[in-house]
Amino acid sequence: QDLGLRAATYMIWGAGTDVGKTLVSCGICNTASLRNKTTPGSQVLYYKPIQTGFPQDSDADQVASVCGAGVVSELGYHAAELNNDEVADFPKLVGGDKPHGTVVTRTEYAW
């Protein structure tokens, strides 16, 4: 399954801890999930490629808690175990039998 060029994609960048990356991500994902509940086949994916403070401080869980019902929160791989095949399968995190409006949050970790 391809995501295609019509899928809105946002990359949140910030240097350092506590600069607001997760807060901005929560707002974007929550707004997108509310809008997507009325659009058949639409889903929201929050993907945190590396989290060093995990599991005590899970950004994906924080985004999931803001988005409410219909959220699937997943723990990915340790960054050292991640290979090109898993990165290439990134679009498979969404789709499948998940209902429209679903929010998927996933964290890869590095502790």
Protein backbone atom coordinates (compact mmCIF):
# COMPACT_ATOMS: atom_id res chain seq x y z
CA GLN A 1 0.00 0.00 0.00
CA ASP A 2 1.37 3.37 -1.00
CA LEU A 3 0.55 6.53 0.89
CA GLY A 4 0.56 8.56 -2.29
CA LEU A 5 1.25 12.22 -2.75
CA ARG A 6 -2.21 13.27 -1.58
CA ALA A 7 -1.47 12.35 2.04
CA ALA A 8 -0.67 15.42 4.10
CA THR A 9 2.73 14.98 5.73
CA TYR A 10 4.25 17.10 8.47
CA MET A 11 7.73 16.85 9.95
CA ILE A 12 8.21 18.56 13.30
CA TRP A 13 11.80 19.54 14.03
CA GLY A 14 13.26 21.20 17.09
CA ALA A 15 16.67 21.28 18.71
CA GLY A 16 16.66 20.19 22.32
CA THR A 17 14.26 18.95 24.95
CA ASP A 18 11.11 20.85 25.96
CA VAL A 19 10.95 23.06 22.89
CA GLY A 20 7.37 22.02 22.04
CA LYS A 21 7.72 19.28 19.38
CA THR A 22 5.31 16.92 21.16
CA LEU A 23 2.84 19.72 21.95
CA VAL A 24 2.70 20.75 18.29
CA SER A 25 2.39 17.10 17.24
CA CYS A 26 -0.52 16.61 19.66
CA GLY A 27 -2.35 19.57 18.16
CA ILE A 28 -1.80 18.49 14.56
CA CYS A 29 -2.78 14.85 15.20
CA ASN A 30 -5.83 15.76 17.27
CA THR A 31 -7.10 18.22 14.66
CA ALA A 32 -6.44 15.76 11.83
CA SER A 33 -8.17 12.92 13.68
CA LEU A 34 -11.28 15.06 14.31
CA ARG A 35 -11.47 16.03 10.64
CA ASN A 36 -10.77 12.49 9.43
CA LYS A 37 -13.69 10.95 11.34
CA THR A 38 -15.97 12.19 8.58
CA THR A 39 -13.69 11.17 5.68
CA PRO A 40 -13.96 7.49 4.67
CA GLY A 41 -10.64 5.65 4.57
CA SER A 42 -8.66 8.41 6.23
CA GLN A 43 -6.24 7.76 9.07
CA VAL A 44 -3.60 9.63 11.03
CA LEU A 45 -0.12 8.29 11.75
CA TYR A 46 2.18 9.79 14.39
CA TYR A 47 5.64 8.30 14.03
CA LYS A 48 8.51 9.04 16.40
CA PRO A 49 11.64 7.59 14.76
CA ILE A 50 13.85 7.79 17.88
CA GLN A 51 12.91 8.39 21.50
CA THR A 52 15.70 8.36 24.06
CA GLY A 53 13.64 8.88 27.23
CA PHE A 54 11.25 6.04 26.45
CA PRO A 55 9.43 4.23 28.12
CA GLN A 56 9.09 6.65 31.04
CA ASP A 57 8.40 9.53 28.65
CA SER A 58 6.53 8.23 25.60
CA ASP A 59 5.66 10.98 23.14
CA ALA A 60 3.53 8.53 21.14
CA ASP A 61 1.46 7.70 24.23
CA GLN A 62 1.00 11.41 24.93
CA VAL A 63 -0.25 12.03 21.38
CA ALA A 64 -2.53 8.98 21.67
CA SER A 65 -4.05 10.25 24.93
CA VAL A 66 -4.90 13.62 23.36
CA CYS A 67 -6.55 12.03 20.32
CA GLY A 68 -9.01 9.95 22.39
CA ALA A 69 -10.93 6.93 21.13
CA GLY A 70 -9.88 4.91 18.10
CA VAL A 71 -6.16 5.18 18.82
CA VAL A 72 -3.71 2.33 18.26
CA SER A 73 -0.42 2.94 20.09
CA GLU A 74 2.46 0.69 19.07
CA LEU A 75 5.97 0.10 20.33
CA GLY A 76 8.37 -0.30 17.44
CA TYR A 77 11.91 -1.62 17.37
CA HIS A 78 15.10 -0.59 19.07
CA ALA A 79 16.89 1.73 16.65
CA ALA A 80 19.84 -0.67 16.44
CA GLU A 81 17.48 -3.45 15.26
CA LEU A 82 15.64 -1.39 12.65
CA ASN A 83 16.49 -2.43 9.11
CA ASN A 84 15.66 -1.10 5.65
CA ASP A 85 12.79 -3.57 5.15
CA GLU A 86 10.95 -2.23 8.20
CA VAL A 87 11.49 1.36 7.10
CA ALA A 88 10.22 0.45 3.61
CA ASP A 89 7.10 -1.11 5.19
CA PHE A 90 6.24 2.18 6.92
CA PRO A 91 2.98 2.64 4.92
CA LYS A 92 1.70 -0.69 6.31
CA LEU A 93 1.31 0.95 9.73
CA VAL A 94 -1.87 2.55 8.43
CA GLY A 95 -4.58 0.97 6.34
CA GLY A 96 -5.69 -2.62 6.55
CA ASP A 97 -8.82 -3.27 8.57
CA LYS A 98 -8.53 -0.16 10.75
CA PRO A 99 -11.67 2.01 10.53
CA HIS A 100 -11.49 5.50 9.06
CA GLY A 101 -10.58 8.13 11.58
CA THR A 102 -8.12 5.79 13.31
CA VAL A 103 -5.00 7.34 14.81
CA VAL A 104 -1.87 5.16 14.91
CA THR A 105 1.02 6.28 17.10
CA ARG A 106 4.36 4.47 17.02
CA THR A 107 7.72 4.95 18.71
CA GLU A 108 11.10 3.48 17.84
CA TYR A 109 13.39 3.70 20.83
CA ALA A 110 17.08 4.10 21.63
CA TRP A 111 17.68 3.40 25.30
